[in-house]
PDB file of N, CA and C in Angstrom:
ATOM      1  N   THR A   1      99.882 104.817 100.675  1.00  0.00           N
ATOM      2  CA  THR A   1     100.730 103.652 100.779  1.00  0.00           C
ATOM      3  C   THR A   1     100.210 102.541  99.883  1.00  0.00           C
ATOM      4  N   CYS A   2     101.038 101.600  99.671  1.00  0.00           N
ATOM      5  CA  CYS A   2     100.741 100.499  98.771  1.00  0.00           C
ATOM      6  C   CYS A   2      99.934  99.417  99.477  1.00  0.00           C
ATOM      7  N   ALA A   3      99.105  98.735  98.738  1.00  0.00           N
ATOM      8  CA  ALA A   3      98.286  97.679  99.312  1.00  0.00           C
ATOM      9  C   ALA A   3      99.028  96.354  99.421  1.00  0.00           C
ATOM     10  N   LEU A   4     100.151  96.232  98.788  1.00  0.00           N
ATOM     11  CA  LEU A   4     100.938  95.009  98.847  1.00  0.00           C
ATOM     12  C   LEU A   4     102.381  95.347  99.161  1.00  0.00           C
ATOM     13  N   PRO A   5     103.118  94.368  99.701  1.00  0.00           N
ATOM     14  CA  PRO A   5     104.538  94.637  99.911  1.00  0.00           C
ATOM     15  C   PRO A   5     105.177  94.983  98.576  1.00  0.00           C
ATOM     16  N   ILE A   6     106.028  95.947  98.604  1.00  0.00           N
ATOM     17  CA  ILE A   6     106.597  96.419  97.349  1.00  0.00           C
ATOM     18  C   ILE A   6     108.024  95.946  97.195  1.00  0.00           C
ATOM     19  N   SER A   7     108.480  95.948  95.982  1.00  0.00           N
ATOM     20  CA  SER A   7     109.822  95.473  95.703  1.00  0.00           C
ATOM     21  C   SER A   7     110.862  96.501  96.147  1.00  0.00           C
ATOM     22  N   ASP A   8     112.068  96.032  96.332  1.00  0.00           N
ATOM     23  CA  ASP A   8     113.146  96.865  96.838  1.00  0.00           C
ATOM     24  C   ASP A   8     113.370  98.175  96.097  1.00  0.00           C
ATOM     25  N   PRO A   9     113.249  98.215  94.758  1.00  0.00           N
ATOM     26  CA  PRO A   9     113.504  99.488  94.081  1.00  0.00           C
ATOM     27  C   PRO A   9     112.598 100.624  94.555  1.00  0.00           C
ATOM     28  N   PHE A  10     111.417 100.306  95.059  1.00  0.00           N
ATOM     29  CA  PHE A  10     110.484 101.339  95.489  1.00  0.00           C
ATOM     30  C   PHE A  10     110.482 101.560  96.995  1.00  0.00           C
ATOM     31  N   GLN A  11     111.184 100.711  97.742  1.00  0.00           N
ATOM     32  CA  GLN A  11     111.163 100.793  99.195  1.00  0.00           C
ATOM     33  C   GLN A  11     111.604 102.164  99.705  1.00  0.00           C
ATOM     34  N   SER A  12     112.648 102.737  99.127  1.00  0.00           N
ATOM     35  CA  SER A  12     113.115 104.047  99.604  1.00  0.00           C
ATOM     36  C   SER A  12     112.086 105.134  99.301  1.00  0.00           C
ATOM     37  N   GLU A  13     111.443 105.055  98.147  1.00  0.00           N
ATOM     38  CA  GLU A  13     110.404 106.041  97.824  1.00  0.00           C
ATOM     39  C   GLU A  13     109.236 105.938  98.800  1.00  0.00           C
ATOM     40  N   VAL A  14     108.821 104.716  99.082  1.00  0.00           N
ATOM     41  CA  VAL A  14     107.705 104.516 100.009  1.00  0.00           C
ATOM     42  C   VAL A  14     108.066 105.055 101.390  1.00  0.00           C
ATOM     43  N   ARG A  15     109.251 104.751 101.859  1.00  0.00           N
ATOM     44  CA  ARG A  15     109.684 105.259 103.173  1.00  0.00           C
ATOM     45  C   ARG A  15     109.732 106.786 103.179  1.00  0.00           C
ATOM     46  N   GLU A  16     110.208 107.373 102.088  1.00  0.00           N
ATOM     47  CA  GLU A  16     110.290 108.830 102.009  1.00  0.00           C
ATOM     48  C   GLU A  16     108.899 109.470 102.010  1.00  0.00           C
ATOM     49  N   ARG A  17     107.972 108.888 101.245  1.00  0.00           N
ATOM     50  CA  ARG A  17     106.634 109.477 101.117  1.00  0.00           C
ATOM     51  C   ARG A  17     105.745 109.216 102.325  1.00  0.00           C
ATOM     52  N   TRP A  18     105.813 107.987 102.880  1.00  0.00           N
ATOM     53  CA  TRP A  18     104.849 107.602 103.910  1.00  0.00           C
ATOM     54  C   TRP A  18     105.474 107.039 105.182  1.00  0.00           C
ATOM     55  N   GLY A  19     106.789 107.052 105.263  1.00  0.00           N
ATOM     56  CA  GLY A  19     107.482 106.419 106.379  1.00  0.00           C
ATOM     57  C   GLY A  19     107.111 106.934 107.752  1.00  0.00           C
ATOM     58  N   GLU A  20     106.629 108.152 107.843  1.00  0.00           N
ATOM     59  CA  GLU A  20     106.269 108.728 109.141  1.00  0.00           C
ATOM     60  C   GLU A  20     104.799 108.514 109.495  1.00  0.00           C
ATOM     61  N   THR A  21     104.038 107.832 108.646  1.00  0.00           N
ATOM     62  CA  THR A  21     102.604 107.687 108.900  1.00  0.00           C
ATOM     63  C   THR A  21     102.318 106.452 109.760  1.00  0.00           C
ATOM     64  N   ARG A  22     101.188 106.509 110.465  1.00  0.00           N
ATOM     65  CA  ARG A  22     100.727 105.353 111.241  1.00  0.00           C
ATOM     66  C   ARG A  22     100.472 104.167 110.323  1.00  0.00           C
ATOM     67  N   GLU A  23      99.941 104.454 109.138  1.00  0.00           N
ATOM     68  CA  GLU A  23      99.605 103.383 108.208  1.00  0.00           C
ATOM     69  C   GLU A  23     100.845 102.627 107.754  1.00  0.00           C
ATOM     70  N   PHE A  24     101.915 103.351 107.467  1.00  0.00           N
ATOM     71  CA  PHE A  24     103.150 102.682 107.063  1.00  0.00           C
ATOM     72  C   PHE A  24     103.679 101.824 108.201  1.00  0.00           C
ATOM     73  N   ALA A  25     103.694 102.376 109.404  1.00  0.00           N
ATOM     74  CA  ALA A  25     104.183 101.616 110.565  1.00  0.00           C
ATOM     75  C   ALA A  25     103.349 100.354 110.773  1.00  0.00           C
ATOM     76  N   GLU A  26     102.036 100.499 110.652  1.00  0.00           N
ATOM     77  CA  GLU A  26     101.151  99.345 110.824  1.00  0.00           C
ATOM     78  C   GLU A  26     101.394  98.302 109.746  1.00  0.00           C
ATOM     79  N   SER A  27     101.552  98.728 108.498  1.00  0.00           N
ATOM     80  CA  SER A  27     101.774  97.768 107.421  1.00  0.00           C
ATOM     81  C   SER A  27     103.092  97.016 107.630  1.00  0.00           C
ATOM     82  N   GLN A  28     104.111  97.707 108.108  1.00  0.00           N
ATOM     83  CA  GLN A  28     105.394  97.060 108.365  1.00  0.00           C
ATOM     84  C   GLN A  28     105.299  96.079 109.534  1.00  0.00           C
ATOM     85  N   ARG A  29     104.559  96.473 110.577  1.00  0.00           N
ATOM     86  CA  ARG A  29     104.378  95.597 111.741  1.00  0.00           C
ATOM     87  C   ARG A  29     103.671  94.312 111.309  1.00  0.00           C
ATOM     88  N   ARG A  30     102.605  94.467 110.510  1.00  0.00           N
ATOM     89  CA  ARG A  30     101.861  93.289 110.055  1.00  0.00           C
ATOM     90  C   ARG A  30     102.691  92.422 109.132  1.00  0.00           C
ATOM     91  N   LEU A  31     103.408  93.048 108.215  1.00  0.00           N
ATOM     92  CA  LEU A  31     104.198  92.311 107.237  1.00  0.00           C
ATOM     93  C   LEU A  31     105.210  91.388 107.922  1.00  0.00           C
ATOM     94  N   LYS A  32     105.794  91.839 109.008  1.00  0.00           N
ATOM     95  CA  LYS A  32     106.785  91.023 109.727  1.00  0.00           C
ATOM     96  C   LYS A  32     106.193  89.723 110.241  1.00  0.00           C
ATOM     97  N   LYS A  33     104.881  89.703 110.471  1.00  0.00           N
ATOM     98  CA  LYS A  33     104.217  88.509 111.002  1.00  0.00           C
ATOM     99  C   LYS A  33     103.777  87.543 109.911  1.00  0.00           C
ATOM    100  N   TYR A  34     103.765  87.988 108.659  1.00  0.00           N
ATOM    101  CA  TYR A  34     103.204  87.176 107.589  1.00  0.00           C
ATOM    102  C   TYR A  34     104.195  86.166 107.043  1.00  0.00           C
ATOM    103  N   SER A  35     103.678  84.985 106.778  1.00  0.00           N
ATOM    104  CA  SER A  35     104.445  83.976 106.060  1.00  0.00           C
ATOM    105  C   SER A  35     104.334  84.269 104.564  1.00  0.00           C
ATOM    106  N   GLN A  36     105.109  83.564 103.779  1.00  0.00           N
ATOM    107  CA  GLN A  36     104.989  83.711 102.327  1.00  0.00           C
ATOM    108  C   GLN A  36     103.593  83.295 101.879  1.00  0.00           C
ATOM    109  N   ASN A  37     103.019  82.307 102.524  1.00  0.00           N
ATOM    110  CA  ASN A  37     101.663  81.871 102.204  1.00  0.00           C
ATOM    111  C   ASN A  37     100.660  82.999 102.465  1.00  0.00           C
ATOM    112  N   ASP A  38     100.829  83.720 103.567  1.00  0.00           N
ATOM    113  CA  ASP A  38      99.954  84.855 103.866  1.00  0.00           C
ATOM    114  C   ASP A  38     100.053  85.914 102.769  1.00  0.00           C
ATOM    115  N   ILE A  39     101.271  86.218 102.381  1.00  0.00           N
ATOM    116  CA  ILE A  39     101.482  87.229 101.343  1.00  0.00           C
ATOM    117  C   ILE A  39     100.861  86.776 100.026  1.00  0.00           C
ATOM    118  N   ASN A  40     101.032  85.510  99.701  1.00  0.00           N
ATOM    119  CA  ASN A  40     100.418  84.981  98.480  1.00  0.00           C
ATOM    120  C   ASN A  40      98.904  85.067  98.550  1.00  0.00           C
ATOM    121  N   GLN A  41      98.333  84.798  99.716  1.00  0.00           N
ATOM    122  CA  GLN A  41      96.883  84.893  99.886  1.00  0.00           C
ATOM    123  C   GLN A  41      96.415  86.337  99.706  1.00  0.00           C
ATOM    124  N   ALA A  42      97.154  87.281 100.284  1.00  0.00           N
ATOM    125  CA  ALA A  42      96.792  88.696 100.134  1.00  0.00           C
ATOM    126  C   ALA A  42      96.846  89.114  98.665  1.00  0.00           C
ATOM    127  N   LYS A  43      97.884  88.687  97.971  1.00  0.00           N
ATOM    128  CA  LYS A  43      98.003  89.014  96.546  1.00  0.00           C
ATOM    129  C   LYS A  43      96.866  88.408  95.746  1.00  0.00           C
ATOM    130  N   GLN A  44      96.506  87.170  96.057  1.00  0.00           N
ATOM    131  CA  GLN A  44      95.423  86.512  95.325  1.00  0.00           C
ATOM    132  C   GLN A  44      94.093  87.207  95.582  1.00  0.00           C
ATOM    133  N   GLU A  45      93.851  87.597  96.824  1.00  0.00           N
ATOM    134  CA  GLU A  45      92.617  88.325  97.130  1.00  0.00           C
ATOM    135  C   GLU A  45      92.529  89.624  96.334  1.00  0.00           C
ATOM    136  N   LEU A  46      93.635  90.362  96.277  1.00  0.00           N
ATOM    137  CA  LEU A  46      93.633  91.602  95.515  1.00  0.00           C
ATOM    138  C   LEU A  46      93.415  91.320  94.028  1.00  0.00           C
ATOM    139  N   LEU A  47      94.044  90.291  93.517  1.00  0.00           N
ATOM    140  CA  LEU A  47      93.846  89.919  92.116  1.00  0.00           C
ATOM    141  C   LEU A  47      92.385  89.556  91.848  1.00  0.00           C
ATOM    142  N   ASN A  48      91.757  88.844  92.781  1.00  0.00           N
ATOM    143  CA  ASN A  48      90.348  88.490  92.615  1.00  0.00           C
ATOM    144  C   ASN A  48      89.472  89.740  92.558  1.00  0.00           C
ATOM    145  N   ILE A  49      89.732  90.699  93.435  1.00  0.00           N
ATOM    146  CA  ILE A  49      88.970  91.954  93.428  1.00  0.00           C
ATOM    147  C   ILE A  49      89.201  92.695  92.116  1.00  0.00           C
ATOM    148  N   THR A  50      90.456  92.747  91.693  1.00  0.00           N
ATOM    149  CA  THR A  50      90.797  93.412  90.436  1.00  0.00           C
ATOM    150  C   THR A  50      90.083  92.748  89.265  1.00  0.00           C
ATOM    151  N   ASN A  51      90.112  91.418  89.229  1.00  0.00           N
ATOM    152  CA  ASN A  51      89.440  90.700  88.145  1.00  0.00           C
ATOM    153  C   ASN A  51      87.935  90.917  88.178  1.00  0.00           C
ATOM    154  N   ASP A  52      87.370  91.018  89.380  1.00  0.00           N
ATOM    155  CA  ASP A  52      85.931  91.286  89.481  1.00  0.00           C
ATOM    156  C   ASP A  52      85.599  92.681  88.954  1.00  0.00           C
ATOM    157  N   PHE A  53      86.444  93.666  89.268  1.00  0.00           N
ATOM    158  CA  PHE A  53      86.253  95.002  88.691  1.00  0.00           C
ATOM    159  C   PHE A  53      86.330  94.924  87.165  1.00  0.00           C
ATOM    160  N   ALA A  54      87.316  94.184  86.664  1.00  0.00           N
ATOM    161  CA  ALA A  54      87.500  94.073  85.212  1.00  0.00           C
ATOM    162  C   ALA A  54      86.274  93.448  84.555  1.00  0.00           C
ATOM    163  N   GLU A  55      85.697  92.443  85.189  1.00  0.00           N
ATOM    164  CA  GLU A  55      84.511  91.788  84.639  1.00  0.00           C
ATOM    165  C   GLU A  55      83.338  92.769  84.576  1.00  0.00           C
ATOM    166  N   LEU A  56      83.172  93.572  85.614  1.00  0.00           N
ATOM    167  CA  LEU A  56      82.114  94.583  85.586  1.00  0.00           C
ATOM    168  C   LEU A  56      82.335  95.547  84.426  1.00  0.00           C
ATOM    169  N   LYS A  57      83.579  96.012  84.281  1.00  0.00           N
ATOM    170  CA  LYS A  57      83.879  96.958  83.207  1.00  0.00           C
ATOM    171  C   LYS A  57      83.616  96.331  81.844  1.00  0.00           C
ATOM    172  N   ARG A  58      84.108  95.097  81.652  1.00  0.00           N
ATOM    173  CA  ARG A  58      83.942  94.423  80.359  1.00  0.00           C
ATOM    174  C   ARG A  58      82.474  94.227  79.993  1.00  0.00           C
ATOM    175  N   THR A  59      81.635  94.008  80.990  1.00  0.00           N
ATOM    176  CA  THR A  59      80.222  93.758  80.711  1.00  0.00           C
ATOM    177  C   THR A  59      79.398  95.036  80.721  1.00  0.00           C
ATOM    178  N   GLY A  60      80.059  96.179  80.859  1.00  0.00           N
ATOM    179  CA  GLY A  60      79.370  97.454  80.757  1.00  0.00           C
ATOM    180  C   GLY A  60      78.609  97.877  82.006  1.00  0.00           C
ATOM    181  N   ILE A  61      78.932  97.282  83.138  1.00  0.00           N
ATOM    182  CA  ILE A  61      78.274  97.651  84.393  1.00  0.00           C
ATOM    183  C   ILE A  61      78.827  99.000  84.850  1.00  0.00           C
ATOM    184  N   SER A  62      77.938  99.904  85.184  1.00  0.00           N
ATOM    185  CA  SER A  62      78.304 101.261  85.576  1.00  0.00           C
ATOM    186  C   SER A  62      79.104 101.284  86.879  1.00  0.00           C
ATOM    187  N   THR A  63      79.966 102.292  86.995  1.00  0.00           N
ATOM    188  CA  THR A  63      80.766 102.445  88.221  1.00  0.00           C
ATOM    189  C   THR A  63      79.910 102.819  89.425  1.00  0.00           C
ATOM    190  N   ASP A  64      78.670 103.202  89.208  1.00  0.00           N
ATOM    191  CA  ASP A  64      77.796 103.513  90.346  1.00  0.00           C
ATOM    192  C   ASP A  64      76.810 102.392  90.651  1.00  0.00           C
ATOM    193  N   SER A  65      77.011 101.231  90.049  1.00  0.00           N
ATOM    194  CA  SER A  65      76.128 100.085  90.284  1.00  0.00           C
ATOM    195  C   SER A  65      76.359  99.506  91.682  1.00  0.00           C
ATOM    196  N   PRO A  66      75.371  98.808  92.204  1.00  0.00           N
ATOM    197  CA  PRO A  66      75.572  98.124  93.495  1.00  0.00           C
ATOM    198  C   PRO A  66      76.751  97.148  93.450  1.00  0.00           C
ATOM    199  N   SER A  67      76.961  96.482  92.328  1.00  0.00           N
ATOM    200  CA  SER A  67      78.087  95.543  92.205  1.00  0.00           C
ATOM    201  C   SER A  67      79.424  96.258  92.328  1.00  0.00           C
ATOM    202  N   ALA A  68      79.549  97.407  91.670  1.00  0.00           N
ATOM    203  CA  ALA A  68      80.794  98.181  91.755  1.00  0.00           C
ATOM    204  C   ALA A  68      80.993  98.715  93.170  1.00  0.00           C
ATOM    205  N   MET A  69      79.913  99.170  93.801  1.00  0.00           N
ATOM    206  CA  MET A  69      80.015  99.688  95.173  1.00  0.00           C
ATOM    207  C   MET A  69      80.448  98.583  96.133  1.00  0.00           C
ATOM    208  N   ASN A  70      79.961  97.377  95.908  1.00  0.00           N
ATOM    209  CA  ASN A  70      80.367  96.236  96.726  1.00  0.00           C
ATOM    210  C   ASN A  70      81.864  95.968  96.577  1.00  0.00           C
ATOM    211  N   LEU A  71      82.370  96.076  95.356  1.00  0.00           N
ATOM    212  CA  LEU A  71      83.801  95.854  95.137  1.00  0.00           C
ATOM    213  C   LEU A  71      84.642  96.961  95.753  1.00  0.00           C
ATOM    214  N   VAL A  72      84.152  98.184  95.759  1.00  0.00           N
ATOM    215  CA  VAL A  72      84.866  99.276  96.426  1.00  0.00           C
ATOM    216  C   VAL A  72      85.017  98.942  97.907  1.00  0.00           C
ATOM    217  N   ILE A  73      83.962  98.447  98.511  1.00  0.00           N
ATOM    218  CA  ILE A  73      84.020  98.071  99.925  1.00  0.00           C
ATOM    219  C   ILE A  73      84.973  96.892 100.121  1.00  0.00           C
ATOM    220  N   GLN A  74      84.916  95.907  99.238  1.00  0.00           N
ATOM    221  CA  GLN A  74      85.840  94.764  99.334  1.00  0.00           C
ATOM    222  C   GLN A  74      87.292  95.227  99.217  1.00  0.00           C
ATOM    223  N   HIS A  75      87.549  96.161  98.312  1.00  0.00           N
ATOM    224  CA  HIS A  75      88.894  96.706  98.111  1.00  0.00           C
ATOM    225  C   HIS A  75      89.399  97.355  99.398  1.00  0.00           C
ATOM    226  N   ARG A  76      88.569  98.216  99.988  1.00  0.00           N
ATOM    227  CA  ARG A  76      88.963  98.897 101.221  1.00  0.00           C
ATOM    228  C   ARG A  76      89.135  97.890 102.368  1.00  0.00           C
ATOM    229  N   ASP A  77      88.211  96.934 102.473  1.00  0.00           N
ATOM    230  CA  ASP A  77      88.307  95.917 103.525  1.00  0.00           C
ATOM    231  C   ASP A  77      89.559  95.062 103.368  1.00  0.00           C
ATOM    232  N   HIS A  78      89.920  94.762 102.126  1.00  0.00           N
ATOM    233  CA  HIS A  78      91.135  93.975 101.868  1.00  0.00           C
ATOM    234  C   HIS A  78      92.366  94.700 102.417  1.00  0.00           C
ATOM    235  N   ILE A  79      92.485  95.964 102.110  1.00  0.00           N
ATOM    236  CA  ILE A  79      93.636  96.735 102.591  1.00  0.00           C
ATOM    237  C   ILE A  79      93.624  96.785 104.111  1.00  0.00           C
ATOM    238  N   SER A  80      92.462  97.029 104.698  1.00  0.00           N
ATOM    239  CA  SER A  80      92.364  97.103 106.155  1.00  0.00           C
ATOM    240  C   SER A  80      92.699  95.759 106.808  1.00  0.00           C
ATOM    241  N   ARG A  81      92.257  94.687 106.230  1.00  0.00           N
ATOM    242  CA  ARG A  81      92.508  93.359 106.792  1.00  0.00           C
ATOM    243  C   ARG A  81      93.990  92.994 106.738  1.00  0.00           C
ATOM    244  N   TRP A  82      94.648  93.337 105.631  1.00  0.00           N
ATOM    245  CA  TRP A  82      96.021  92.877 105.446  1.00  0.00           C
ATOM    246  C   TRP A  82      97.095  93.896 105.820  1.00  0.00           C
ATOM    247  N   TRP A  83      96.842  95.202 105.640  1.00  0.00           N
ATOM    248  CA  TRP A  83      97.948  96.146 105.708  1.00  0.00           C
ATOM    249  C   TRP A  83      97.782  97.259 106.738  1.00  0.00           C
ATOM    250  N   TYR A  84      96.727  97.995 106.707  1.00  0.00           N
ATOM    251  CA  TYR A  84      96.493  99.117 107.618  1.00  0.00           C
ATOM    252  C   TYR A  84      95.036  99.525 107.495  1.00  0.00           C
ATOM    253  N   GLU A  85      94.547 100.279 108.465  1.00  0.00           N
ATOM    254  CA  GLU A  85      93.159 100.732 108.412  1.00  0.00           C
ATOM    255  C   GLU A  85      92.999 101.694 107.236  1.00  0.00           C
ATOM    256  N   CYS A  86      92.262 101.259 106.253  1.00  0.00           N
ATOM    257  CA  CYS A  86      92.067 102.049 105.037  1.00  0.00           C
ATOM    258  C   CYS A  86      90.763 102.826 105.164  1.00  0.00           C
ATOM    259  N   THR A  87      90.877 104.077 105.530  1.00  0.00           N
ATOM    260  CA  THR A  87      89.702 104.931 105.637  1.00  0.00           C
ATOM    261  C   THR A  87      89.204 105.305 104.238  1.00  0.00           C
ATOM    262  N   PRO A  88      87.971 105.784 104.137  1.00  0.00           N
ATOM    263  CA  PRO A  88      87.500 106.254 102.829  1.00  0.00           C
ATOM    264  C   PRO A  88      88.413 107.337 102.239  1.00  0.00           C
ATOM    265  N   GLU A  89      88.972 108.196 103.090  1.00  0.00           N
ATOM    266  CA  GLU A  89      89.873 109.249 102.593  1.00  0.00           C
ATOM    267  C   GLU A  89      91.158 108.658 102.019  1.00  0.00           C
ATOM    268  N   ILE A  90      91.701 107.654 102.700  1.00  0.00           N
ATOM    269  CA  ILE A  90      92.913 106.997 102.186  1.00  0.00           C
ATOM    270  C   ILE A  90      92.592 106.297 100.876  1.00  0.00           C
ATOM    271  N   GLN A  91      91.451 105.606 100.832  1.00  0.00           N
ATOM    272  CA  GLN A  91      91.075 104.911  99.599  1.00  0.00           C
ATOM    273  C   GLN A  91      90.908 105.897  98.444  1.00  0.00           C
ATOM    274  N   SER A  92      90.377 107.063  98.725  1.00  0.00           N
ATOM    275  CA  SER A  92      90.242 108.089  97.685  1.00  0.00           C
ATOM    276  C   SER A  92      91.611 108.511  97.165  1.00  0.00           C
ATOM    277  N   GLY A  93      92.572 108.657  98.065  1.00  0.00           N
ATOM    278  CA  GLY A  93      93.940 108.987  97.652  1.00  0.00           C
ATOM    279  C   GLY A  93      94.556 107.884  96.808  1.00  0.00           C
ATOM    280  N   LEU A  94      94.290 106.633  97.191  1.00  0.00           N
ATOM    281  CA  LEU A  94      94.773 105.514  96.381  1.00  0.00           C
ATOM    282  C   LEU A  94      94.163 105.574  94.982  1.00  0.00           C
ATOM    283  N   ALA A  95      92.869 105.867  94.921  1.00  0.00           N
ATOM    284  CA  ALA A  95      92.194 105.963  93.619  1.00  0.00           C
ATOM    285  C   ALA A  95      92.878 106.998  92.737  1.00  0.00           C
ATOM    286  N   ASP A  96      93.257 108.122  93.323  1.00  0.00           N
ATOM    287  CA  ASP A  96      93.959 109.151  92.549  1.00  0.00           C
ATOM    288  C   ASP A  96      95.296 108.624  92.037  1.00  0.00           C
ATOM    289  N   MET A  97      96.012 107.870  92.881  1.00  0.00           N
ATOM    290  CA  MET A  97      97.300 107.306  92.446  1.00  0.00           C
ATOM    291  C   MET A  97      97.116 106.284  91.339  1.00  0.00           C
ATOM    292  N   TYR A  98      95.995 105.571  91.340  1.00  0.00           N
ATOM    293  CA  TYR A  98      95.768 104.552  90.320  1.00  0.00           C
ATOM    294  C   TYR A  98      95.755 105.154  88.922  1.00  0.00           C
ATOM    295  N   ILE A  99      95.384 106.416  88.806  1.00  0.00           N
ATOM    296  CA  ILE A  99      95.381 107.037  87.477  1.00  0.00           C
ATOM    297  C   ILE A  99      96.532 108.016  87.270  1.00  0.00           C
ATOM    298  N   SER A 100      97.166 108.487  88.354  1.00  0.00           N
ATOM    299  CA  SER A 100      98.227 109.482  88.187  1.00  0.00           C
ATOM    300  C   SER A 100      99.631 108.876  88.204  1.00  0.00           C
ATOM    301  N   ASP A 101      99.783 107.702  88.772  1.00  0.00           N
ATOM    302  CA  ASP A 101     101.098 107.057  88.864  1.00  0.00           C
ATOM    303  C   ASP A 101     101.091 105.862  87.914  1.00  0.00           C
ATOM    304  N   SER A 102     101.945 105.911  86.927  1.00  0.00           N
ATOM    305  CA  SER A 102     101.938 104.877  85.888  1.00  0.00           C
ATOM    306  C   SER A 102     102.194 103.484  86.439  1.00  0.00           C
ATOM    307  N   ARG A 103     102.903 103.367  87.549  1.00  0.00           N
ATOM    308  CA  ARG A 103     103.145 102.037  88.114  1.00  0.00           C
ATOM    309  C   ARG A 103     101.838 101.401  88.583  1.00  0.00           C
ATOM    310  N   PHE A 104     100.943 102.206  89.100  1.00  0.00           N
ATOM    311  CA  PHE A 104      99.646 101.685  89.519  1.00  0.00           C
ATOM    312  C   PHE A 104      98.735 101.464  88.318  1.00  0.00           C
ATOM    313  N   SER A 105      98.684 102.460  87.442  1.00  0.00           N
ATOM    314  CA  SER A 105      97.782 102.327  86.298  1.00  0.00           C
ATOM    315  C   SER A 105      98.196 101.156  85.412  1.00  0.00           C
ATOM    316  N   GLU A 106      99.485 100.898  85.273  1.00  0.00           N
ATOM    317  CA  GLU A 106      99.942  99.766  84.451  1.00  0.00           C
ATOM    318  C   GLU A 106      99.451  98.438  85.017  1.00  0.00           C
ATOM    319  N   TYR A 107      99.423  98.322  86.342  1.00  0.00           N
ATOM    320  CA  TYR A 107      98.906  97.100  86.970  1.00  0.00           C
ATOM    321  C   TYR A 107      97.476  96.836  86.495  1.00  0.00           C
ATOM    322  N   TYR A 108      96.639  97.858  86.567  1.00  0.00           N
ATOM    323  CA  TYR A 108      95.240  97.709  86.163  1.00  0.00           C
ATOM    324  C   TYR A 108      95.092  97.559  84.653  1.00  0.00           C
ATOM    325  N   GLU A 109      95.863  98.317  83.896  1.00  0.00           N
ATOM    326  CA  GLU A 109      95.741  98.295  82.434  1.00  0.00           C
ATOM    327  C   GLU A 109      96.140  96.940  81.854  1.00  0.00           C
ATOM    328  N   LYS A 110      97.049  96.225  82.532  1.00  0.00           N
ATOM    329  CA  LYS A 110      97.434  94.886  82.064  1.00  0.00           C
ATOM    330  C   LYS A 110      96.280  93.904  82.200  1.00  0.00           C
ATOM    331  N   VAL A 111      95.413  94.147  83.154  1.00  0.00           N
ATOM    332  CA  VAL A 111      94.254  93.277  83.361  1.00  0.00           C
ATOM    333  C   VAL A 111      93.149  93.604  82.366  1.00  0.00           C
ATOM    334  N   GLU A 112      92.895  94.898  82.197  1.00  0.00           N
ATOM    335  CA  GLU A 112      91.815  95.347  81.302  1.00  0.00           C
ATOM    336  C   GLU A 112      92.067  96.805  80.932  1.00  0.00           C
ATOM    337  N   PRO A 113      92.129  97.129  79.632  1.00  0.00           N
ATOM    338  CA  PRO A 113      92.299  98.528  79.242  1.00  0.00           C
ATOM    339  C   PRO A 113      91.205  99.402  79.852  1.00  0.00           C
ATOM    340  N   GLY A 114      91.620 100.516  80.437  1.00  0.00           N
ATOM    341  CA  GLY A 114      90.678 101.443  81.052  1.00  0.00           C
ATOM    342  C   GLY A 114      90.298 101.099  82.481  1.00  0.00           C
ATOM    343  N   LEU A 115      90.875 100.027  83.032  1.00  0.00           N
ATOM    344  CA  LEU A 115      90.473  99.578  84.366  1.00  0.00           C
ATOM    345  C   LEU A 115      90.924 100.531  85.464  1.00  0.00           C
ATOM    346  N   ALA A 116      92.077 101.156  85.332  1.00  0.00           N
ATOM    347  CA  ALA A 116      92.517 102.102  86.365  1.00  0.00           C
ATOM    348  C   ALA A 116      91.487 103.216  86.532  1.00  0.00           C
ATOM    349  N   GLN A 117      91.020 103.753  85.422  1.00  0.00           N
ATOM    350  CA  GLN A 117      90.015 104.814  85.476  1.00  0.00           C
ATOM    351  C   GLN A 117      88.703 104.284  86.046  1.00  0.00           C
ATOM    352  N   TYR A 118      88.334 103.076  85.678  1.00  0.00           N
ATOM    353  CA  TYR A 118      87.090 102.480  86.161  1.00  0.00           C
ATOM    354  C   TYR A 118      87.124 102.318  87.682  1.00  0.00           C
ATOM    355  N   VAL A 119      88.209 101.755  88.208  1.00  0.00           N
ATOM    356  CA  VAL A 119      88.335 101.565  89.661  1.00  0.00           C
ATOM    357  C   VAL A 119      88.346 102.930  90.351  1.00  0.00           C
ATOM    358  N   HIS A 120      89.105 103.862  89.801  1.00  0.00           N
ATOM    359  CA  HIS A 120      89.140 105.229  90.337  1.00  0.00           C
ATOM    360  C   HIS A 120      87.730 105.796  90.423  1.00  0.00           C
ATOM    361  N   ASP A 121      86.993 105.713  89.317  1.00  0.00           N
ATOM    362  CA  ASP A 121      85.662 106.305  89.261  1.00  0.00           C
ATOM    363  C   ASP A 121      84.708 105.629  90.237  1.00  0.00           C
ATOM    364  N   ALA A 122      84.788 104.308  90.367  1.00  0.00           N
ATOM    365  CA  ALA A 122      83.920 103.598  91.306  1.00  0.00           C
ATOM    366  C   ALA A 122      84.201 104.043  92.743  1.00  0.00           C
ATOM    367  N   ILE A 123      85.459 104.174  93.086  1.00  0.00           N
ATOM    368  CA  ILE A 123      85.814 104.632  94.436  1.00  0.00           C
ATOM    369  C   ILE A 123      85.295 106.041  94.668  1.00  0.00           C
ATOM    370  N   LYS A 124      85.446 106.910  93.694  1.00  0.00           N
ATOM    371  CA  LYS A 124      84.976 108.291  93.834  1.00  0.00           C
ATOM    372  C   LYS A 124      83.456 108.354  93.939  1.00  0.00           C
ATOM    373  N   VAL A 125      82.737 107.498  93.207  1.00  0.00           N
ATOM    374  CA  VAL A 125      81.281 107.446  93.331  1.00  0.00           C
ATOM    375  C   VAL A 125      80.910 107.054  94.754  1.00  0.00           C
ATOM    376  N   TRP A 126      81.577 106.027  95.283  1.00  0.00           N
ATOM    377  CA  TRP A 126      81.274 105.595  96.642  1.00  0.00           C
ATOM    378  C   TRP A 126      81.503 106.733  97.636  1.00  0.00           C
ATOM    379  N   GLN A 127      82.556 107.513  97.406  1.00  0.00           N
ATOM    380  CA  GLN A 127      82.882 108.621  98.297  1.00  0.00           C
ATOM    381  C   GLN A 127      81.754 109.656  98.348  1.00  0.00           C
ATOM    382  N   ARG A 128      81.057 109.822  97.249  1.00  0.00           N
ATOM    383  CA  ARG A 128      79.991 110.839  97.184  1.00  0.00           C
ATOM    384  C   ARG A 128      78.695 110.374  97.838  1.00  0.00           C
ATOM    385  N   HIS A 129      78.585 109.095  98.127  1.00  0.00           N
ATOM    386  CA  HIS A 129      77.345 108.574  98.740  1.00  0.00           C
ATOM    387  C   HIS A 129      77.396 108.658 100.246  1.00  0.00           C
TER     388      HIS A 129
END
């Protein structure tokens, strides 16, 4: 599932792929309670995490560094705090989507070329520890 509320063109796809999951139900339940300010805060938090990943990549910090591992945890905690309980297994699936689904990879690539792969790799490193 997506870490942020998605636009209408993708709503039917999301419902088809994940509509029967606990995570989707939880994200919808939470979303109904959020104000626009809450949604903006969630988006800004995700952008901050994304920018922090980009800074690590730009400065040549390895995906297995303590800094990258900290951001992997922040990423998972962000999703859990705002949308649904993001287990390490779910986060690993998200990492795969970040490089296999162009809509996700484009989000990261607009911030920093190669960032989708970097975030994917950092999450996968964390999974192996």
